[in-house]
Amino acid sequence: MNKCAEQRFADGLVCPHCGKKHIVKFGNARGKQRFRCKDCDRTFTPYTKTILADSKPIHRKL
């Protein structure tokens, strides 16, 4: 995970929908790791419900 996600989940992964911690990895979507909450059955990425949720990756040319 990147620094933003590490900061958001410093206390461990928490479902942004229900707030529970029973989380498992659930594949990848557009290059981002997806997770699934075993309590509410909803999926999310580290960017769900953030300002970066629908943003495109920034590419820099060197």
C-alpha atoms as a PDB file:
ATOM      1  CA  MET A   1       0.000   0.000   0.000  1.00  0.00           C
ATOM      2  CA  ASN A   2       1.063   3.559  -0.500  1.00  0.00           C
ATOM      3  CA  LYS A   3       1.661   6.111   2.260  1.00  0.00           C
ATOM      4  CA  CYS A   4      -1.881   7.491   2.092  1.00  0.00           C
ATOM      5  CA  ALA A   5      -3.410   4.044   2.597  1.00  0.00           C
ATOM      6  CA  GLU A   6      -0.881   3.141   5.307  1.00  0.00           C
ATOM      7  CA  GLN A   7      -1.876   6.270   7.216  1.00  0.00           C
ATOM      8  CA  ARG A   8      -5.601   5.644   6.793  1.00  0.00           C
ATOM      9  CA  PHE A   9      -5.313   2.055   8.022  1.00  0.00           C
ATOM     10  CA  ALA A  10      -2.592   2.572  10.661  1.00  0.00           C
ATOM     11  CA  ASP A  11      -4.698   0.663  13.212  1.00  0.00           C
ATOM     12  CA  GLY A  12      -5.433  -2.153  10.749  1.00  0.00           C
ATOM     13  CA  LEU A  13      -7.901  -2.512   7.896  1.00  0.00           C
ATOM     14  CA  VAL A  14     -11.388  -1.277   8.730  1.00  0.00           C
ATOM     15  CA  CYS A  15     -14.407  -1.479   6.451  1.00  0.00           C
ATOM     16  CA  PRO A  16     -15.346   2.056   5.347  1.00  0.00           C
ATOM     17  CA  HIS A  17     -18.998   0.966   5.118  1.00  0.00           C
ATOM     18  CA  CYS A  18     -19.663  -0.725   8.477  1.00  0.00           C
ATOM     19  CA  GLY A  19     -16.478  -0.052  10.498  1.00  0.00           C
ATOM     20  CA  LYS A  20     -15.745  -3.728  11.259  1.00  0.00           C
ATOM     21  CA  LYS A  21     -12.267  -5.296  11.028  1.00  0.00           C
ATOM     22  CA  HIS A  22     -13.084  -8.717   9.518  1.00  0.00           C
ATOM     23  CA  ILE A  23     -11.424  -7.992   6.139  1.00  0.00           C
ATOM     24  CA  VAL A  24      -9.941 -10.292   3.464  1.00  0.00           C
ATOM     25  CA  LYS A  25      -8.147  -9.584   0.172  1.00  0.00           C
ATOM     26  CA  PHE A  26     -10.499  -9.799  -2.820  1.00  0.00           C
ATOM     27  CA  GLY A  27      -8.487  -9.460  -6.034  1.00  0.00           C
ATOM     28  CA  ASN A  28      -7.450  -6.344  -7.949  1.00  0.00           C
ATOM     29  CA  ALA A  29      -9.332  -3.646  -9.819  1.00  0.00           C
ATOM     30  CA  ARG A  30      -7.549  -1.177 -12.103  1.00  0.00           C
ATOM     31  CA  GLY A  31      -4.245  -1.971 -10.430  1.00  0.00           C
ATOM     32  CA  LYS A  32      -5.536  -1.398  -6.887  1.00  0.00           C
ATOM     33  CA  GLN A  33      -5.895  -4.133  -4.268  1.00  0.00           C
ATOM     34  CA  ARG A  34      -9.541  -4.823  -3.416  1.00  0.00           C
ATOM     35  CA  PHE A  35     -10.776  -5.997  -0.039  1.00  0.00           C
ATOM     36  CA  ARG A  36     -14.048  -7.570   1.116  1.00  0.00           C
ATOM     37  CA  CYS A  37     -15.689  -7.165   4.496  1.00  0.00           C
ATOM     38  CA  LYS A  38     -16.924 -10.501   5.812  1.00  0.00           C
ATOM     39  CA  ASP A  39     -19.509  -8.756   8.000  1.00  0.00           C
ATOM     40  CA  CYS A  40     -21.349  -6.583   5.446  1.00  0.00           C
ATOM     41  CA  ASP A  41     -20.114  -8.407   2.271  1.00  0.00           C
ATOM     42  CA  ARG A  42     -19.179  -5.125   0.561  1.00  0.00           C
ATOM     43  CA  THR A  43     -15.931  -4.623  -1.329  1.00  0.00           C
ATOM     44  CA  PHE A  44     -13.626  -1.622  -1.246  1.00  0.00           C
ATOM     45  CA  THR A  45     -10.155  -0.329  -2.085  1.00  0.00           C
ATOM     46  CA  PRO A  46      -7.955   1.762   0.221  1.00  0.00           C
ATOM     47  CA  TYR A  47      -9.351   4.804  -1.640  1.00  0.00           C
ATOM     48  CA  THR A  48     -13.070   4.112  -1.109  1.00  0.00           C
ATOM     49  CA  LYS A  49     -14.882   7.089   0.430  1.00  0.00           C
ATOM     50  CA  THR A  50     -11.881   9.388  -0.043  1.00  0.00           C
ATOM     51  CA  ILE A  51     -11.161  12.276  -2.369  1.00  0.00           C
ATOM     52  CA  LEU A  52      -8.975   9.902  -4.434  1.00  0.00           C
ATOM     53  CA  ALA A  53     -11.725   7.322  -5.023  1.00  0.00           C
ATOM     54  CA  ASP A  54     -12.369   8.070  -8.707  1.00  0.00           C
ATOM     55  CA  SER A  55      -9.079   9.730  -9.603  1.00  0.00           C
ATOM     56  CA  LYS A  56      -6.829   8.509 -12.365  1.00  0.00           C
ATOM     57  CA  PRO A  57      -3.175   7.689 -11.649  1.00  0.00           C
ATOM     58  CA  ILE A  58      -0.685  10.498 -12.125  1.00  0.00           C
ATOM     59  CA  HIS A  59       2.123   9.628 -14.533  1.00  0.00           C
ATOM     60  CA  ARG A  60       5.290  11.647 -14.582  1.00  0.00           C
ATOM     61  CA  LYS A  61       7.781  11.713 -17.427  1.00  0.00           C
ATOM     62  CA  LEU A  62      11.380  11.943 -16.362  1.00  0.00           C
END
